[in-house]
Amino acid sequence: MHIEFRHLRTIKAIHEAGGLARAADQLNITQSALSHQIKGLEDQAGVELFIRRSKPMKLSAAGHRLLRLADQVLPQVEAMQAEFSNLRSGKTGRMHIAIECHACFEWLFPVLEAFRKLWSDVDVDIKPGLAFDALPALEKDEVDLVVSSDPEDLPGIDFVELFDYAPVFVAAAQHPLAAKPFVEAADFRGQTLITYPVERTRLDVFSQLLIPAKVEPAAIRQVELTAVILLLVASNRGVAVLPDWVVREVKYSSDYVTRPLTENGLTRRLFAAVRSEDREKPFVADLIRLARIEARRLQEA
């Protein structure tokens, strides 16, 4: 037996209308076409679906079984159609974000809080891009946006500029290097460098300074939380390099000093990597807009 959605809609319409004429009007077809459709369905089923001698027209036992199926299936079909309509219009969707920048969690959470209030029907999730290859996951449609400071030339992927930041040296106020106007790669020799627990190539201090200069610190201590890094630095247990917006409050504290890396300082840029086909979706564009606003707020604080 071949049952189509139109058959389920027909059974439901006749049951609710109580007759062919009104049901035909609801379905916007002629009464003869509706009768022909019912006859074909009954021929397939091999049983009568309606008791035609009754007024109003009633379903048979077999017809009631088909009605129960219609009541189960049609709402799911309508919900799926509405979901696809919202996807096409950009009102709903999925925003799974991978972050290659460990310090970005603290910047991103206020962004997502503002985004949630504007786009409550968008499914948001954060997947730390430190435990897997985030950009290949973006290409495979496993995530929808990657926060990265290392743009690549990938077909079908756009890297949208978010904001620039400066990695800065952070040390205790009494540390010997606090007396210097800026810090160079050689200054890290003999130091305990406190970093996030990620690969060296994903840390600005290594990729932009120490690896090119072939300098190795005396020791490396890995710490998960920014607050703990600052606590250890304030206790003179080591030095760190953090984005300037992360340590915005440090410059007002007598426990720390911040210094540029190299005489001219270093500048890095964060990007939002998205699939080209998704870039103009309203909620994607709005997330990028909110990210830029929060970045400006942090840098001006």
Protein backbone atom coordinates (compact mmCIF):
# COMPACT_ATOMS: atom_id res chain seq x y z
CA MET A 1 0.00 0.00 0.00
CA HIS A 2 1.43 3.32 -1.11
CA ILE A 3 0.45 6.12 1.29
CA GLU A 4 1.32 9.73 0.48
CA PHE A 5 1.14 12.82 2.68
CA ARG A 6 -1.83 14.03 0.62
CA HIS A 7 -3.73 10.87 1.54
CA LEU A 8 -3.18 11.57 5.25
CA ARG A 9 -4.28 15.17 4.81
CA THR A 10 -7.39 13.96 2.95
CA ILE A 11 -8.40 11.53 5.71
CA LYS A 12 -7.93 14.21 8.35
CA ALA A 13 -9.82 16.88 6.37
CA ILE A 14 -12.85 14.65 5.70
CA HIS A 15 -12.99 13.54 9.32
CA GLU A 16 -12.88 17.13 10.59
CA ALA A 17 -15.25 18.53 7.92
CA GLY A 18 -17.78 15.67 8.13
CA GLY A 19 -18.30 15.53 4.37
CA LEU A 20 -16.65 15.61 0.96
CA ALA A 21 -17.82 19.05 -0.13
CA ARG A 22 -16.40 20.97 2.81
CA ALA A 23 -13.24 18.85 2.86
CA ALA A 24 -12.69 19.56 -0.84
CA ASP A 25 -12.97 23.28 -0.15
CA GLN A 26 -10.40 23.01 2.67
CA LEU A 27 -8.00 21.07 0.45
CA ASN A 28 -8.66 23.39 -2.52
CA ILE A 29 -9.56 20.55 -4.90
CA THR A 30 -12.78 19.52 -6.60
CA GLN A 31 -15.18 17.10 -4.92
CA SER A 32 -14.85 14.64 -7.79
CA ALA A 33 -11.04 14.68 -7.50
CA LEU A 34 -11.35 14.05 -3.78
CA SER A 35 -13.76 11.12 -4.34
CA HIS A 36 -11.39 9.66 -6.92
CA GLN A 37 -8.48 9.94 -4.46
CA ILE A 38 -10.43 8.15 -1.73
CA LYS A 39 -11.52 5.40 -4.14
CA GLY A 40 -7.91 4.83 -5.19
CA LEU A 41 -6.75 4.66 -1.57
CA GLU A 42 -9.51 2.20 -0.65
CA ASP A 43 -8.61 0.05 -3.67
CA GLN A 44 -5.02 -0.07 -2.41
CA ALA A 45 -6.07 -0.88 1.14
CA GLY A 46 -8.69 -3.42 0.11
CA VAL A 47 -11.11 -2.07 2.74
CA GLU A 48 -13.54 0.82 3.09
CA LEU A 49 -12.14 3.82 4.92
CA PHE A 50 -15.47 5.65 5.32
CA ILE A 51 -19.02 4.69 6.25
CA ARG A 52 -20.80 6.49 3.43
CA ARG A 53 -24.33 5.78 4.65
CA SER A 54 -23.84 7.98 7.73
CA LYS A 55 -24.30 11.72 7.94
CA PRO A 56 -21.98 13.34 8.69
CA MET A 57 -19.59 11.04 6.87
CA LYS A 58 -17.69 8.88 9.37
CA LEU A 59 -14.47 6.92 9.31
CA SER A 60 -14.54 3.15 9.41
CA ALA A 61 -12.34 1.23 11.82
CA ALA A 62 -9.65 1.07 9.11
CA GLY A 63 -10.09 4.78 8.46
CA HIS A 64 -9.54 5.56 12.15
CA ARG A 65 -6.24 3.67 12.04
CA LEU A 66 -5.17 5.84 9.11
CA LEU A 67 -6.31 8.96 11.00
CA ARG A 68 -4.10 8.03 13.95
CA LEU A 69 -1.18 7.77 11.54
CA ALA A 70 -2.07 11.20 10.12
CA ASP A 71 -2.16 12.69 13.63
CA GLN A 72 1.33 11.31 14.30
CA VAL A 73 3.00 12.11 10.98
CA LEU A 74 1.52 15.39 9.76
CA PRO A 75 2.58 17.54 12.77
CA GLN A 76 6.15 16.26 12.36
CA VAL A 77 6.08 17.07 8.63
CA GLU A 78 4.71 20.56 9.32
CA ALA A 79 7.35 21.17 11.99
CA MET A 80 10.08 20.10 9.58
CA GLN A 81 8.69 22.38 6.86
CA ALA A 82 8.66 25.29 9.33
CA GLU A 83 12.23 24.49 10.35
CA PHE A 84 13.40 24.46 6.73
CA SER A 85 11.56 27.73 6.13
CA ASN A 86 13.35 29.31 9.10
CA LEU A 87 16.67 27.95 7.89
CA ARG A 88 16.11 29.51 4.47
CA SER A 89 15.17 32.85 6.02
CA GLY A 90 18.12 32.76 8.43
CA LYS A 91 15.93 32.85 11.56
CA THR A 92 17.24 29.59 13.00
CA GLY A 93 20.18 27.27 12.57
CA ARG A 94 23.28 25.94 14.27
CA MET A 95 26.31 27.84 15.51
CA HIS A 96 28.93 25.42 16.81
CA ILE A 97 32.14 27.30 17.47
CA ALA A 98 35.69 25.96 17.72
CA ILE A 99 38.31 28.15 19.41
CA GLU A 100 42.00 27.88 18.59
CA CYS A 101 42.76 30.76 20.93
CA HIS A 102 42.71 29.53 24.54
CA ALA A 103 42.42 33.02 26.06
CA CYS A 104 39.41 33.74 23.84
CA PHE A 105 36.98 31.94 26.12
CA GLU A 106 36.81 34.96 28.42
CA TRP A 107 36.19 37.30 25.50
CA LEU A 108 33.66 35.04 23.78
CA PHE A 109 31.28 34.29 26.66
CA PRO A 110 29.82 37.84 26.84
CA VAL A 111 29.44 37.73 23.05
CA LEU A 112 27.44 34.50 23.22
CA GLU A 113 25.28 35.84 26.04
CA ALA A 114 24.28 38.82 23.88
CA PHE A 115 23.84 36.52 20.86
CA ARG A 116 21.57 34.15 22.81
CA LYS A 117 19.15 36.96 23.60
CA LEU A 118 18.92 37.97 19.94
CA TRP A 119 18.86 34.49 18.38
CA SER A 120 17.17 32.15 20.85
CA ASP A 121 16.32 29.62 18.11
CA VAL A 122 19.95 29.12 17.07
CA ASP A 123 21.66 26.13 18.66
CA VAL A 124 24.96 27.38 20.13
CA ASP A 125 27.83 25.22 21.33
CA ILE A 126 31.55 25.73 21.97
CA LYS A 127 33.99 23.02 20.98
CA PRO A 128 37.57 23.75 22.12
CA GLY A 129 39.61 23.64 18.93
CA LEU A 130 42.70 22.71 20.89
CA ALA A 131 41.91 19.00 21.02
CA PHE A 132 41.23 18.52 17.27
CA ASP A 133 41.89 20.11 13.89
CA ALA A 134 39.31 22.87 13.87
CA LEU A 135 39.59 24.03 10.26
CA PRO A 136 39.17 20.54 8.73
CA ALA A 137 36.13 20.17 11.03
CA LEU A 138 34.76 23.41 9.56
CA GLU A 139 35.23 22.07 6.03
CA LYS A 140 33.41 18.85 6.99
CA ASP A 141 30.43 20.79 8.45
CA GLU A 142 31.21 19.50 11.96
CA VAL A 143 31.55 23.05 13.30
CA ASP A 144 30.26 26.34 11.89
CA LEU A 145 32.80 28.95 12.97
CA VAL A 146 36.45 28.80 14.03
CA VAL A 147 38.16 31.58 15.98
CA SER A 148 41.74 31.59 14.74
CA SER A 149 44.76 33.86 14.41
CA ASP A 150 46.24 31.80 11.56
CA PRO A 151 44.30 32.28 8.30
CA GLU A 152 44.82 29.73 5.55
CA ASP A 153 43.94 29.64 1.87
CA LEU A 154 41.13 27.09 1.93
CA PRO A 155 38.53 26.77 -0.85
CA GLY A 156 35.03 27.51 0.39
CA ILE A 157 36.28 29.04 3.67
CA ASP A 158 36.27 32.78 4.41
CA PHE A 159 38.43 34.33 7.14
CA VAL A 160 36.59 37.40 8.42
CA GLU A 161 38.63 39.92 10.43
CA LEU A 162 37.52 40.35 14.03
CA PHE A 163 40.09 42.56 15.78
CA ASP A 164 43.79 43.16 16.33
CA TYR A 165 45.52 42.63 19.64
CA ALA A 166 49.02 42.84 21.07
CA PRO A 167 50.63 39.94 22.95
CA VAL A 168 52.33 41.54 25.98
CA PHE A 169 54.87 40.40 28.53
CA VAL A 170 53.53 40.14 32.10
CA ALA A 171 55.75 39.93 35.19
CA ALA A 172 55.65 40.73 38.88
CA ALA A 173 56.43 44.36 39.68
CA GLN A 174 59.63 43.34 41.51
CA HIS A 175 60.86 41.11 38.67
CA PRO A 176 64.24 42.19 37.19
CA LEU A 177 62.73 42.44 33.69
CA ALA A 178 60.14 44.94 34.98
CA ALA A 179 62.79 47.62 34.70
CA LYS A 180 63.07 47.21 30.93
CA PRO A 181 60.94 49.32 28.54
CA PHE A 182 60.36 46.27 26.33
CA VAL A 183 61.25 42.57 26.36
CA GLU A 184 63.09 40.62 23.68
CA ALA A 185 63.43 36.91 22.93
CA ALA A 186 66.79 36.63 24.69
CA ASP A 187 65.25 37.89 27.94
CA PHE A 188 63.31 34.63 28.27
CA ARG A 189 66.47 32.60 28.75
CA GLY A 190 66.64 31.58 32.39
CA GLN A 191 62.94 32.37 32.95
CA THR A 192 60.03 30.11 33.91
CA LEU A 193 57.41 30.78 31.26
CA ILE A 194 53.82 30.18 32.37
CA THR A 195 51.53 29.28 29.44
CA TYR A 196 48.20 27.73 28.62
CA PRO A 197 48.33 23.94 28.07
CA VAL A 198 48.42 24.03 24.26
CA GLU A 199 50.91 23.30 21.51
CA ARG A 200 53.75 25.78 21.20
CA THR A 201 52.81 26.67 17.65
CA ARG A 202 49.48 27.99 18.94
CA LEU A 203 51.07 30.31 21.49
CA ASP A 204 52.06 33.78 20.26
CA VAL A 205 55.16 33.92 22.46
CA PHE A 206 56.57 30.87 20.70
CA SER A 207 55.28 31.30 17.14
CA GLN A 208 56.05 35.04 16.91
CA LEU A 209 59.11 35.41 19.15
CA LEU A 210 60.94 32.44 20.66
CA ILE A 211 60.86 29.89 17.82
CA PRO A 212 62.14 32.36 15.17
CA ALA A 213 64.90 33.47 17.60
CA LYS A 214 65.67 29.85 18.60
CA VAL A 215 65.37 30.74 22.29
CA GLU A 216 64.26 28.27 24.94
CA PRO A 217 63.05 29.33 28.41
CA ALA A 218 64.60 27.65 31.43
CA ALA A 219 61.25 26.00 32.24
CA ILE A 220 57.65 25.96 31.07
CA ARG A 221 54.72 25.70 33.45
CA GLN A 222 51.31 25.03 31.93
CA VAL A 223 48.18 26.42 33.60
CA GLU A 224 44.58 26.17 32.41
CA LEU A 225 43.08 29.38 33.83
CA THR A 226 44.12 32.98 33.16
CA ALA A 227 43.40 33.97 36.77
CA VAL A 228 45.82 31.30 38.02
CA ILE A 229 48.48 32.41 35.54
CA LEU A 230 48.23 35.96 36.91
CA LEU A 231 48.29 34.66 40.48
CA LEU A 232 51.55 32.81 39.84
CA VAL A 233 53.07 35.78 38.03
CA ALA A 234 52.14 38.10 40.92
CA SER A 235 53.87 35.64 43.28
CA ASN A 236 56.99 35.90 41.09
CA ARG A 237 56.80 32.21 40.19
CA GLY A 238 57.35 32.95 36.53
CA VAL A 239 56.51 35.27 33.63
CA ALA A 240 53.79 35.08 30.99
CA VAL A 241 52.73 36.47 27.63
CA LEU A 242 49.03 37.22 27.25
CA PRO A 243 46.82 39.23 24.87
CA ASP A 244 46.59 42.88 25.92
CA TRP A 245 42.80 42.68 26.31
CA VAL A 246 43.14 39.75 28.72
CA VAL A 247 45.36 41.74 31.08
CA ARG A 248 43.45 45.03 30.77
CA GLU A 249 43.09 45.24 34.55
CA VAL A 250 46.75 44.40 35.24
CA LYS A 251 47.96 47.83 34.17
CA TYR A 252 46.08 49.31 37.12
CA SER A 253 47.57 46.87 39.64
CA SER A 254 50.78 47.48 41.60
CA ASP A 255 51.47 43.72 41.60
CA TYR A 256 52.23 43.45 37.88
CA VAL A 257 53.89 45.16 34.98
CA THR A 258 53.17 44.69 31.30
CA ARG A 259 55.77 45.34 28.64
CA PRO A 260 55.73 45.19 24.82
CA LEU A 261 57.37 42.26 23.08
CA THR A 262 60.28 43.79 21.09
CA GLU A 263 60.90 47.49 20.73
CA ASN A 264 58.10 48.01 18.23
CA GLY A 265 55.70 45.57 19.85
CA LEU A 266 53.90 42.67 18.17
CA THR A 267 50.43 42.80 16.66
CA ARG A 268 48.21 39.81 15.96
CA ARG A 269 44.81 39.56 14.34
CA LEU A 270 41.92 37.28 15.21
CA PHE A 271 39.64 35.94 12.48
CA ALA A 272 36.31 34.18 12.33
CA ALA A 273 36.61 31.37 9.79
CA VAL A 274 33.23 30.43 8.28
CA ARG A 275 32.05 28.53 5.23
CA SER A 276 31.55 30.95 2.33
CA GLU A 277 27.95 29.81 1.87
CA ASP A 278 27.16 30.69 5.51
CA ARG A 279 28.85 34.07 5.71
CA GLU A 280 25.77 36.12 4.79
CA LYS A 281 23.36 34.26 7.07
CA PRO A 282 21.84 36.90 9.37
CA PHE A 283 22.77 35.15 12.62
CA VAL A 284 26.36 34.50 11.45
CA ALA A 285 26.80 38.15 10.49
CA ASP A 286 25.27 39.21 13.82
CA LEU A 287 27.64 37.02 15.84
CA ILE A 288 30.63 38.58 14.08
CA ARG A 289 29.21 42.06 14.72
CA LEU A 290 28.76 41.33 18.44
CA ALA A 291 32.28 39.87 18.63
CA ARG A 292 33.77 43.08 17.26
CA ILE A 293 31.74 45.21 19.67
CA GLU A 294 32.90 43.20 22.69
CA ALA A 295 36.50 43.36 21.48
CA ARG A 296 36.33 47.15 21.29
CA ARG A 297 34.85 47.30 24.77
CA LEU A 298 37.67 45.21 26.20
CA GLN A 299 40.37 47.23 24.50
CA GLU A 300 38.88 50.52 25.68
CA ALA A 301 38.43 49.37 29.28
